[in-house]
Amino acid sequence: MSATNRGSKRRESDFYETPHDVVHDFLEDHFKGKYKVILEPCCGSGNMVRVLREHFPESTIIAQDILPVAPIRQANVTHCESDFLTEPALSTPVDLIFTNPPYSIAEKVIRKALMTYPDATVVMLLRLDFLGSQERFEFWKRHPVNCIYPLACRPSFTGDGGTDSNNYAWFVWYPGRTDQRIIPTWGRATF
């Protein structure tokens, strides 16, 4: 997801791994609950899936991506090698959709998640700048986010400790809720 890595070229398929601590700290501090079925529709190498498994050991976790992802096949999850944007809804009800979508298709992923799974909580790691844009004005009117949890530290999505110039946050849509809040997430880790 990390896009402007200060002059670096973008990676193929917009693939950037989400650091373990970014997911762990958010789940630990702000996201408790029981979910029967969790879908990670842009799972990449499975970093997020492994943390979801740690926090939700009893849940069924479905990891989906357009690329083959062998490592997560060993993480006690169901793997679907398919495109979330073009595949029909899963036959099983989904309670939670949790992902860091490629920035170039983030709005499409959010729309699909909200429309296809209206009873699911949807959680996306996005740039804070995703809030702005004339192009997304209608999107935000139709799909207002319920909670935003800004990250205090800029995470490294490249694995080398380097960060880009963007700030990030967890965006959460709860089914049936209309309230809106921004909740600072200070985090314990330095990414």
C-alpha atoms as a PDB file:
ATOM      1  CA  MET A   1       0.000   0.000   0.000  1.00  0.00           C
ATOM      2  CA  SER A   2       2.875   2.369   0.674  1.00  0.00           C
ATOM      3  CA  ALA A   3       2.895   4.494  -2.421  1.00  0.00           C
ATOM      4  CA  THR A   4       5.265   7.398  -2.306  1.00  0.00           C
ATOM      5  CA  ASN A   5       8.358   5.739  -0.984  1.00  0.00           C
ATOM      6  CA  ARG A   6      10.326   8.915  -1.585  1.00  0.00           C
ATOM      7  CA  GLY A   7      11.379   8.324  -5.161  1.00  0.00           C
ATOM      8  CA  SER A   8      11.147   4.544  -5.237  1.00  0.00           C
ATOM      9  CA  LYS A   9       9.340   2.794  -8.045  1.00  0.00           C
ATOM     10  CA  ARG A  10       6.009   1.181  -7.233  1.00  0.00           C
ATOM     11  CA  ARG A  11       6.022  -2.547  -6.701  1.00  0.00           C
ATOM     12  CA  GLU A  12       4.254  -4.937  -9.034  1.00  0.00           C
ATOM     13  CA  SER A  13       0.560  -5.374  -8.162  1.00  0.00           C
ATOM     14  CA  ASP A  14       0.963  -2.569  -5.595  1.00  0.00           C
ATOM     15  CA  PHE A  15       2.244  -5.245  -3.183  1.00  0.00           C
ATOM     16  CA  TYR A  16       3.533  -3.980   0.166  1.00  0.00           C
ATOM     17  CA  GLU A  17       3.554  -6.172   3.273  1.00  0.00           C
ATOM     18  CA  THR A  18       1.808  -4.871   6.362  1.00  0.00           C
ATOM     19  CA  PRO A  19       4.091  -5.054   9.421  1.00  0.00           C
ATOM     20  CA  HIS A  20       2.996  -7.442  12.179  1.00  0.00           C
ATOM     21  CA  ASP A  21       3.028  -4.753  14.887  1.00  0.00           C
ATOM     22  CA  VAL A  22       0.706  -2.437  12.946  1.00  0.00           C
ATOM     23  CA  VAL A  23      -1.977  -5.130  12.901  1.00  0.00           C
ATOM     24  CA  HIS A  24      -1.222  -6.589  16.340  1.00  0.00           C
ATOM     25  CA  ASP A  25      -1.320  -3.246  18.180  1.00  0.00           C
ATOM     26  CA  PHE A  26      -4.583  -2.214  16.536  1.00  0.00           C
ATOM     27  CA  LEU A  27      -6.292  -5.500  17.309  1.00  0.00           C
ATOM     28  CA  GLU A  28      -4.920  -5.592  20.849  1.00  0.00           C
ATOM     29  CA  ASP A  29      -5.845  -2.009  21.714  1.00  0.00           C
ATOM     30  CA  HIS A  30      -9.037  -1.354  19.784  1.00  0.00           C
ATOM     31  CA  PHE A  31     -10.572  -4.376  18.204  1.00  0.00           C
ATOM     32  CA  LYS A  32     -11.854  -7.067  20.485  1.00  0.00           C
ATOM     33  CA  GLY A  33     -14.792  -9.230  19.619  1.00  0.00           C
ATOM     34  CA  LYS A  34     -15.865 -12.578  18.352  1.00  0.00           C
ATOM     35  CA  TYR A  35     -16.135 -13.170  14.657  1.00  0.00           C
ATOM     36  CA  LYS A  36     -17.195 -16.475  13.182  1.00  0.00           C
ATOM     37  CA  VAL A  37     -15.873 -15.857   9.651  1.00  0.00           C
ATOM     38  CA  ILE A  38     -13.136 -13.362   8.745  1.00  0.00           C
ATOM     39  CA  LEU A  39     -12.203 -12.526   5.155  1.00  0.00           C
ATOM     40  CA  GLU A  40      -8.849 -11.006   4.169  1.00  0.00           C
ATOM     41  CA  PRO A  41      -9.502 -10.229   0.476  1.00  0.00           C
ATOM     42  CA  CYS A  42      -6.046  -8.825  -0.432  1.00  0.00           C
ATOM     43  CA  CYS A  43      -3.870 -11.118   1.678  1.00  0.00           C
ATOM     44  CA  GLY A  44      -0.595 -10.854  -0.226  1.00  0.00           C
ATOM     45  CA  SER A  45       2.026 -12.901   1.608  1.00  0.00           C
ATOM     46  CA  GLY A  46      -0.267 -13.491   4.565  1.00  0.00           C
ATOM     47  CA  ASN A  47       1.257 -11.208   7.220  1.00  0.00           C
ATOM     48  CA  MET A  48      -2.149  -9.895   8.256  1.00  0.00           C
ATOM     49  CA  VAL A  49      -3.683 -13.358   8.156  1.00  0.00           C
ATOM     50  CA  ARG A  50      -1.137 -14.685  10.646  1.00  0.00           C
ATOM     51  CA  VAL A  51      -1.920 -11.874  13.102  1.00  0.00           C
ATOM     52  CA  LEU A  52      -5.664 -12.378  12.634  1.00  0.00           C
ATOM     53  CA  ARG A  53      -5.156 -16.063  13.455  1.00  0.00           C
ATOM     54  CA  GLU A  54      -3.303 -15.123  16.675  1.00  0.00           C
ATOM     55  CA  HIS A  55      -6.117 -12.820  17.811  1.00  0.00           C
ATOM     56  CA  PHE A  56      -9.061 -14.876  16.612  1.00  0.00           C
ATOM     57  CA  PRO A  57      -8.032 -18.524  17.149  1.00  0.00           C
ATOM     58  CA  GLU A  58     -11.602 -19.846  16.965  1.00  0.00           C
ATOM     59  CA  SER A  59     -12.619 -17.974  13.803  1.00  0.00           C
ATOM     60  CA  THR A  60     -12.699 -19.336  10.290  1.00  0.00           C
ATOM     61  CA  ILE A  61     -10.275 -17.185   8.313  1.00  0.00           C
ATOM     62  CA  ILE A  62     -10.462 -16.973   4.540  1.00  0.00           C
ATOM     63  CA  ALA A  63      -7.414 -15.513   2.783  1.00  0.00           C
ATOM     64  CA  GLN A  64      -7.990 -14.325  -0.773  1.00  0.00           C
ATOM     65  CA  ASP A  65      -5.603 -12.859  -3.314  1.00  0.00           C
ATOM     66  CA  ILE A  66      -5.071 -12.823  -7.060  1.00  0.00           C
ATOM     67  CA  LEU A  67      -1.517 -14.085  -6.552  1.00  0.00           C
ATOM     68  CA  PRO A  68      -0.583 -17.560  -5.283  1.00  0.00           C
ATOM     69  CA  VAL A  69       0.378 -17.382  -1.611  1.00  0.00           C
ATOM     70  CA  ALA A  70       1.887 -20.666  -0.431  1.00  0.00           C
ATOM     71  CA  PRO A  71       3.093 -19.549   3.039  1.00  0.00           C
ATOM     72  CA  ILE A  72      -0.393 -18.932   4.411  1.00  0.00           C
ATOM     73  CA  ARG A  73      -1.603 -22.368   3.388  1.00  0.00           C
ATOM     74  CA  GLN A  74       0.213 -23.531   6.501  1.00  0.00           C
ATOM     75  CA  ALA A  75      -1.442 -20.985   8.801  1.00  0.00           C
ATOM     76  CA  ASN A  76      -4.681 -22.936   9.326  1.00  0.00           C
ATOM     77  CA  VAL A  77      -6.712 -20.745   6.989  1.00  0.00           C
ATOM     78  CA  THR A  78      -8.767 -21.304   3.871  1.00  0.00           C
ATOM     79  CA  HIS A  79      -7.015 -19.871   0.825  1.00  0.00           C
ATOM     80  CA  CYS A  80      -8.811 -18.624  -2.290  1.00  0.00           C
ATOM     81  CA  GLU A  81      -6.589 -17.735  -5.220  1.00  0.00           C
ATOM     82  CA  SER A  82      -9.009 -15.371  -6.920  1.00  0.00           C
ATOM     83  CA  ASP A  83      -9.766 -11.712  -7.511  1.00  0.00           C
ATOM     84  CA  PHE A  84     -12.014 -10.284  -4.792  1.00  0.00           C
ATOM     85  CA  LEU A  85     -13.260  -7.600  -7.176  1.00  0.00           C
ATOM     86  CA  THR A  86     -14.545 -10.031  -9.806  1.00  0.00           C
ATOM     87  CA  GLU A  87     -15.559 -13.053  -7.733  1.00  0.00           C
ATOM     88  CA  PRO A  88     -19.132 -13.423  -6.469  1.00  0.00           C
ATOM     89  CA  ALA A  89     -19.821 -13.340  -2.737  1.00  0.00           C
ATOM     90  CA  LEU A  90     -18.694 -16.312  -0.695  1.00  0.00           C
ATOM     91  CA  SER A  91     -21.437 -18.782   0.099  1.00  0.00           C
ATOM     92  CA  THR A  92     -20.752 -18.478   3.822  1.00  0.00           C
ATOM     93  CA  PRO A  93     -21.759 -15.338   5.784  1.00  0.00           C
ATOM     94  CA  VAL A  94     -18.785 -13.105   6.606  1.00  0.00           C
ATOM     95  CA  ASP A  95     -18.644 -11.181   9.915  1.00  0.00           C
ATOM     96  CA  LEU A  96     -15.402  -9.242   9.410  1.00  0.00           C
ATOM     97  CA  ILE A  97     -13.477  -8.055   6.353  1.00  0.00           C
ATOM     98  CA  PHE A  98      -9.976  -6.958   7.318  1.00  0.00           C
ATOM     99  CA  THR A  99      -7.296  -5.870   4.845  1.00  0.00           C
ATOM    100  CA  ASN A 100      -4.673  -3.450   3.601  1.00  0.00           C
ATOM    101  CA  PRO A 101      -5.820  -3.116  -0.017  1.00  0.00           C
ATOM    102  CA  PRO A 102      -3.517  -2.011  -2.823  1.00  0.00           C
ATOM    103  CA  TYR A 103      -3.940   1.766  -2.891  1.00  0.00           C
ATOM    104  CA  SER A 104      -4.674   1.801  -6.615  1.00  0.00           C
ATOM    105  CA  ILE A 105      -7.842  -0.283  -6.088  1.00  0.00           C
ATOM    106  CA  ALA A 106      -8.693   0.610  -2.480  1.00  0.00           C
ATOM    107  CA  GLU A 107     -11.960   2.382  -3.250  1.00  0.00           C
ATOM    108  CA  LYS A 108     -13.128  -0.545  -5.404  1.00  0.00           C
ATOM    109  CA  VAL A 109     -12.262  -3.014  -2.629  1.00  0.00           C
ATOM    110  CA  ILE A 110     -14.157  -0.966  -0.038  1.00  0.00           C
ATOM    111  CA  ARG A 111     -17.211  -0.591  -2.276  1.00  0.00           C
ATOM    112  CA  LYS A 112     -17.260  -4.322  -3.024  1.00  0.00           C
ATOM    113  CA  ALA A 113     -16.878  -5.212   0.663  1.00  0.00           C
ATOM    114  CA  LEU A 114     -19.668  -2.878   1.780  1.00  0.00           C
ATOM    115  CA  MET A 115     -22.065  -3.846  -1.006  1.00  0.00           C
ATOM    116  CA  THR A 116     -21.413  -7.589  -1.080  1.00  0.00           C
ATOM    117  CA  TYR A 117     -21.238  -8.126   2.685  1.00  0.00           C
ATOM    118  CA  PRO A 118     -23.604  -5.523   4.215  1.00  0.00           C
ATOM    119  CA  ASP A 119     -23.708  -7.337   7.576  1.00  0.00           C
ATOM    120  CA  ALA A 120     -19.928  -7.458   7.986  1.00  0.00           C
ATOM    121  CA  THR A 121     -17.674  -5.053   9.851  1.00  0.00           C
ATOM    122  CA  VAL A 122     -15.173  -3.715   7.300  1.00  0.00           C
ATOM    123  CA  VAL A 123     -11.669  -2.682   8.410  1.00  0.00           C
ATOM    124  CA  MET A 124      -9.143  -1.176   5.978  1.00  0.00           C
ATOM    125  CA  LEU A 125      -5.637   0.162   6.510  1.00  0.00           C
ATOM    126  CA  LEU A 126      -5.420   3.239   4.275  1.00  0.00           C
ATOM    127  CA  ARG A 127      -3.515   6.471   3.825  1.00  0.00           C
ATOM    128  CA  LEU A 128      -5.107   9.332   5.734  1.00  0.00           C
ATOM    129  CA  ASP A 129      -5.096  11.206   2.425  1.00  0.00           C
ATOM    130  CA  PHE A 130      -7.724   8.731   1.259  1.00  0.00           C
ATOM    131  CA  LEU A 131     -10.219  11.009   3.019  1.00  0.00           C
ATOM    132  CA  GLY A 132      -9.526  13.816   0.583  1.00  0.00           C
ATOM    133  CA  SER A 133     -10.173  13.982  -3.134  1.00  0.00           C
ATOM    134  CA  GLN A 134     -12.900  15.417  -5.294  1.00  0.00           C
ATOM    135  CA  GLU A 135     -13.085  12.042  -7.013  1.00  0.00           C
ATOM    136  CA  ARG A 136     -14.049  10.348  -3.737  1.00  0.00           C
ATOM    137  CA  PHE A 137     -16.519  13.010  -2.584  1.00  0.00           C
ATOM    138  CA  GLU A 138     -19.566  10.980  -3.684  1.00  0.00           C
ATOM    139  CA  PHE A 139     -18.032   7.824  -2.236  1.00  0.00           C
ATOM    140  CA  TRP A 140     -17.754   9.416   1.224  1.00  0.00           C
ATOM    141  CA  LYS A 141     -21.303  10.751   1.037  1.00  0.00           C
ATOM    142  CA  ARG A 142     -22.611   7.258   0.300  1.00  0.00           C
ATOM    143  CA  HIS A 143     -20.234   5.293   2.519  1.00  0.00           C
ATOM    144  CA  PRO A 144     -19.257   7.385   5.556  1.00  0.00           C
ATOM    145  CA  VAL A 145     -16.714   5.674   7.749  1.00  0.00           C
ATOM    146  CA  ASN A 146     -17.691   5.074  11.398  1.00  0.00           C
ATOM    147  CA  CYS A 147     -14.265   5.169  13.061  1.00  0.00           C
ATOM    148  CA  ILE A 148     -10.793   6.239  12.023  1.00  0.00           C
ATOM    149  CA  TYR A 149      -7.796   5.137  14.075  1.00  0.00           C
ATOM    150  CA  PRO A 150      -4.729   7.144  12.916  1.00  0.00           C
ATOM    151  CA  LEU A 151      -1.311   5.563  13.386  1.00  0.00           C
ATOM    152  CA  ALA A 152       1.125   7.752  15.298  1.00  0.00           C
ATOM    153  CA  CYS A 153       4.162   6.216  13.610  1.00  0.00           C
ATOM    154  CA  ARG A 154       4.696   5.786   9.909  1.00  0.00           C
ATOM    155  CA  PRO A 155       5.064   2.062   9.266  1.00  0.00           C
ATOM    156  CA  SER A 156       7.619   0.542   6.932  1.00  0.00           C
ATOM    157  CA  PHE A 157       5.927  -1.491   4.214  1.00  0.00           C
ATOM    158  CA  THR A 158       9.215  -2.356   2.519  1.00  0.00           C
ATOM    159  CA  GLY A 159      10.820  -4.476   5.225  1.00  0.00           C
ATOM    160  CA  ASP A 160      13.950  -2.326   5.364  1.00  0.00           C
ATOM    161  CA  GLY A 161      12.748   0.103   8.037  1.00  0.00           C
ATOM    162  CA  GLY A 162      12.285   2.920   5.533  1.00  0.00           C
ATOM    163  CA  THR A 163       9.004   4.795   5.470  1.00  0.00           C
ATOM    164  CA  ASP A 164       7.245   6.900   2.903  1.00  0.00           C
ATOM    165  CA  SER A 165       5.827  10.396   3.386  1.00  0.00           C
ATOM    166  CA  ASN A 166       2.258   9.246   4.072  1.00  0.00           C
ATOM    167  CA  ASN A 167       0.329   8.942   7.306  1.00  0.00           C
ATOM    168  CA  TYR A 168      -1.932   5.929   7.744  1.00  0.00           C
ATOM    169  CA  ALA A 169      -5.026   4.947   9.688  1.00  0.00           C
ATOM    170  CA  TRP A 170      -7.402   2.067  10.243  1.00  0.00           C
ATOM    171  CA  PHE A 171     -10.807   2.898   8.728  1.00  0.00           C
ATOM    172  CA  VAL A 172     -13.758   0.961  10.181  1.00  0.00           C
ATOM    173  CA  TRP A 173     -17.303   0.605   8.867  1.00  0.00           C
ATOM    174  CA  TYR A 174     -19.699  -1.075  11.305  1.00  0.00           C
ATOM    175  CA  PRO A 175     -22.918  -2.505   9.858  1.00  0.00           C
ATOM    176  CA  GLY A 176     -25.989  -0.489  10.770  1.00  0.00           C
ATOM    177  CA  ARG A 177     -24.106   2.305  12.560  1.00  0.00           C
ATOM    178  CA  THR A 178     -24.203   5.943  11.508  1.00  0.00           C
ATOM    179  CA  ASP A 179     -21.981   7.566  14.157  1.00  0.00           C
ATOM    180  CA  GLN A 180     -18.559   8.837  13.147  1.00  0.00           C
ATOM    181  CA  ARG A 181     -15.457   9.128  15.321  1.00  0.00           C
ATOM    182  CA  ILE A 182     -11.742   9.642  14.951  1.00  0.00           C
ATOM    183  CA  ILE A 183      -9.774   7.806  17.634  1.00  0.00           C
ATOM    184  CA  PRO A 184      -6.003   8.393  17.972  1.00  0.00           C
ATOM    185  CA  THR A 185      -3.981   5.190  17.948  1.00  0.00           C
ATOM    186  CA  TRP A 186      -0.688   5.918  19.595  1.00  0.00           C
ATOM    187  CA  GLY A 187       0.655   2.378  19.429  1.00  0.00           C
ATOM    188  CA  ARG A 188       3.430   0.926  21.493  1.00  0.00           C
ATOM    189  CA  ALA A 189       5.730  -0.121  18.712  1.00  0.00           C
ATOM    190  CA  THR A 190       8.097   1.880  16.608  1.00  0.00           C
ATOM    191  CA  PHE A 191       7.788   0.516  13.144  1.00  0.00           C
END
